[in-house]
């Protein structure tokens, strides 16, 4: 961190505050949930009802069993795509319900 007399980029200051006050996990979870429809695309996002994250696991509720099964087969690929999109390892596992 730069000295108090040196200006710092706003992004660095905000990131430091998020870490300092213990909000990193919540912040990352919100980013992952918001990223799902972007990464999934219109067709897949259209068959999902709810997305949430808890303790490193991204949960995606799927409306139909055939879609759920297809997505479940690809869950590791979804995990990798999500973490690449987020720029760091945020999602440990993706579960389709």
C-alpha atoms as a PDB file:
ATOM      1  CA  UNK A   1       0.000   0.000   0.000  1.00  0.00           C
ATOM      2  CA  UNK A   2       1.297   3.477  -0.823  1.00  0.00           C
ATOM      3  CA  UNK A   3       2.019   6.002   1.903  1.00  0.00           C
ATOM      4  CA  UNK A   4      -0.799   8.238   3.129  1.00  0.00           C
ATOM      5  CA  UNK A   5       0.574  11.165   1.118  1.00  0.00           C
ATOM      6  CA  UNK A   6       0.542   9.297  -2.196  1.00  0.00           C
ATOM      7  CA  UNK A   7      -2.666   9.034  -4.219  1.00  0.00           C
ATOM      8  CA  UNK A   8      -3.946   5.513  -4.825  1.00  0.00           C
ATOM      9  CA  UNK A   9      -6.244   4.165  -7.533  1.00  0.00           C
ATOM     10  CA  UNK A  10      -9.822   3.989  -6.309  1.00  0.00           C
ATOM     11  CA  UNK A  11     -10.054   0.293  -7.258  1.00  0.00           C
ATOM     12  CA  UNK A  12      -7.095  -0.539  -5.021  1.00  0.00           C
ATOM     13  CA  UNK A  13      -8.596   1.379  -2.108  1.00  0.00           C
ATOM     14  CA  UNK A  14     -11.969  -0.349  -2.481  1.00  0.00           C
ATOM     15  CA  UNK A  15     -10.360  -3.768  -2.799  1.00  0.00           C
ATOM     16  CA  UNK A  16      -8.337  -3.119   0.347  1.00  0.00           C
ATOM     17  CA  UNK A  17     -11.478  -2.110   2.252  1.00  0.00           C
ATOM     18  CA  UNK A  18     -13.383  -5.185   1.072  1.00  0.00           C
ATOM     19  CA  UNK A  19     -10.531  -7.402   2.305  1.00  0.00           C
ATOM     20  CA  UNK A  20      -9.953  -5.483   5.532  1.00  0.00           C
ATOM     21  CA  UNK A  21     -13.577  -5.677   6.671  1.00  0.00           C
ATOM     22  CA  UNK A  22     -14.119  -9.305   5.646  1.00  0.00           C
ATOM     23  CA  UNK A  23     -16.529  -8.783   2.771  1.00  0.00           C
ATOM     24  CA  UNK A  24     -14.470 -10.521   0.069  1.00  0.00           C
ATOM     25  CA  UNK A  25     -16.484 -13.774   0.150  1.00  0.00           C
ATOM     26  CA  UNK A  26     -19.819 -11.929  -0.072  1.00  0.00           C
ATOM     27  CA  UNK A  27     -18.532  -9.648  -2.804  1.00  0.00           C
ATOM     28  CA  UNK A  28     -17.207 -12.599  -4.822  1.00  0.00           C
ATOM     29  CA  UNK A  29     -20.468 -14.505  -4.351  1.00  0.00           C
ATOM     30  CA  UNK A  30     -22.474 -11.558  -5.676  1.00  0.00           C
ATOM     31  CA  UNK A  31     -20.169 -11.257  -8.678  1.00  0.00           C
ATOM     32  CA  UNK A  32     -20.552 -14.973  -9.451  1.00  0.00           C
ATOM     33  CA  UNK A  33     -24.359 -14.845  -9.228  1.00  0.00           C
ATOM     34  CA  UNK A  34     -24.462 -11.790 -11.491  1.00  0.00           C
ATOM     35  CA  UNK A  35     -22.125 -13.475 -13.982  1.00  0.00           C
ATOM     36  CA  UNK A  36     -24.257 -16.605 -14.413  1.00  0.00           C
ATOM     37  CA  UNK A  37     -26.724 -15.241 -17.030  1.00  0.00           C
ATOM     38  CA  UNK A  38     -23.847 -13.657 -18.946  1.00  0.00           C
ATOM     39  CA  UNK A  39     -21.833 -16.872 -19.101  1.00  0.00           C
ATOM     40  CA  UNK A  40     -24.802 -19.208 -19.529  1.00  0.00           C
ATOM     41  CA  UNK A  41     -26.326 -17.291 -22.395  1.00  0.00           C
ATOM     42  CA  UNK A  42     -29.974 -16.659 -23.073  1.00  0.00           C
ATOM     43  CA  UNK A  43     -31.062 -20.261 -23.735  1.00  0.00           C
ATOM     44  CA  UNK A  44     -29.529 -21.801 -20.606  1.00  0.00           C
ATOM     45  CA  UNK A  45     -30.279 -18.829 -18.357  1.00  0.00           C
ATOM     46  CA  UNK A  46     -33.872 -19.174 -19.531  1.00  0.00           C
ATOM     47  CA  UNK A  47     -34.180 -22.672 -18.028  1.00  0.00           C
ATOM     48  CA  UNK A  48     -32.664 -21.685 -14.684  1.00  0.00           C
ATOM     49  CA  UNK A  49     -34.826 -20.266 -11.916  1.00  0.00           C
ATOM     50  CA  UNK A  50     -32.470 -19.292  -9.154  1.00  0.00           C
ATOM     51  CA  UNK A  51     -28.723 -18.923  -8.649  1.00  0.00           C
ATOM     52  CA  UNK A  52     -26.975 -18.521  -5.309  1.00  0.00           C
ATOM     53  CA  UNK A  53     -23.579 -19.143  -3.794  1.00  0.00           C
ATOM     54  CA  UNK A  54     -22.570 -20.429  -0.390  1.00  0.00           C
ATOM     55  CA  UNK A  55     -19.140 -21.361   0.944  1.00  0.00           C
ATOM     56  CA  UNK A  56     -17.559 -21.541  -2.504  1.00  0.00           C
ATOM     57  CA  UNK A  57     -20.320 -23.604  -4.114  1.00  0.00           C
ATOM     58  CA  UNK A  58     -22.435 -22.050  -6.864  1.00  0.00           C
ATOM     59  CA  UNK A  59     -25.957 -23.506  -6.840  1.00  0.00           C
ATOM     60  CA  UNK A  60     -28.128 -23.249  -9.940  1.00  0.00           C
ATOM     61  CA  UNK A  61     -31.773 -24.317  -9.802  1.00  0.00           C
ATOM     62  CA  UNK A  62     -32.840 -25.739 -13.175  1.00  0.00           C
ATOM     63  CA  UNK A  63     -36.474 -26.047 -14.289  1.00  0.00           C
ATOM     64  CA  UNK A  64     -36.236 -29.364 -16.134  1.00  0.00           C
ATOM     65  CA  UNK A  65     -34.553 -32.686 -15.369  1.00  0.00           C
ATOM     66  CA  UNK A  66     -33.072 -33.167 -18.871  1.00  0.00           C
ATOM     67  CA  UNK A  67     -31.413 -29.728 -18.750  1.00  0.00           C
ATOM     68  CA  UNK A  68     -30.229 -30.335 -15.194  1.00  0.00           C
ATOM     69  CA  UNK A  69     -28.630 -33.632 -16.197  1.00  0.00           C
ATOM     70  CA  UNK A  70     -26.907 -32.093 -19.220  1.00  0.00           C
ATOM     71  CA  UNK A  71     -25.546 -29.203 -17.171  1.00  0.00           C
ATOM     72  CA  UNK A  72     -24.446 -31.531 -14.378  1.00  0.00           C
ATOM     73  CA  UNK A  73     -22.237 -33.431 -16.843  1.00  0.00           C
ATOM     74  CA  UNK A  74     -20.504 -30.136 -17.658  1.00  0.00           C
ATOM     75  CA  UNK A  75     -20.184 -28.779 -14.125  1.00  0.00           C
ATOM     76  CA  UNK A  76     -16.374 -28.749 -14.078  1.00  0.00           C
ATOM     77  CA  UNK A  77     -16.319 -26.773 -17.329  1.00  0.00           C
ATOM     78  CA  UNK A  78     -18.822 -24.309 -15.809  1.00  0.00           C
ATOM     79  CA  UNK A  79     -16.614 -23.924 -12.735  1.00  0.00           C
ATOM     80  CA  UNK A  80     -13.559 -23.185 -14.878  1.00  0.00           C
ATOM     81  CA  UNK A  81     -15.468 -20.701 -17.075  1.00  0.00           C
ATOM     82  CA  UNK A  82     -16.851 -18.889 -14.054  1.00  0.00           C
ATOM     83  CA  UNK A  83     -13.454 -18.554 -12.377  1.00  0.00           C
ATOM     84  CA  UNK A  84     -11.849 -17.373 -15.627  1.00  0.00           C
ATOM     85  CA  UNK A  85     -14.590 -14.759 -15.963  1.00  0.00           C
ATOM     86  CA  UNK A  86     -14.113 -13.610 -12.367  1.00  0.00           C
ATOM     87  CA  UNK A  87     -10.332 -13.489 -12.735  1.00  0.00           C
ATOM     88  CA  UNK A  88      -9.549 -15.684  -9.742  1.00  0.00           C
ATOM     89  CA  UNK A  89     -10.575 -18.910  -7.994  1.00  0.00           C
ATOM     90  CA  UNK A  90     -13.916 -18.009  -6.445  1.00  0.00           C
ATOM     91  CA  UNK A  91     -16.081 -21.038  -7.269  1.00  0.00           C
ATOM     92  CA  UNK A  92     -14.937 -24.392  -5.867  1.00  0.00           C
ATOM     93  CA  UNK A  93     -17.905 -26.341  -7.197  1.00  0.00           C
ATOM     94  CA  UNK A  94     -21.052 -25.865  -9.293  1.00  0.00           C
ATOM     95  CA  UNK A  95     -24.170 -27.845  -8.374  1.00  0.00           C
ATOM     96  CA  UNK A  96     -27.289 -27.952 -10.495  1.00  0.00           C
ATOM     97  CA  UNK A  97     -30.503 -28.614  -8.559  1.00  0.00           C
END
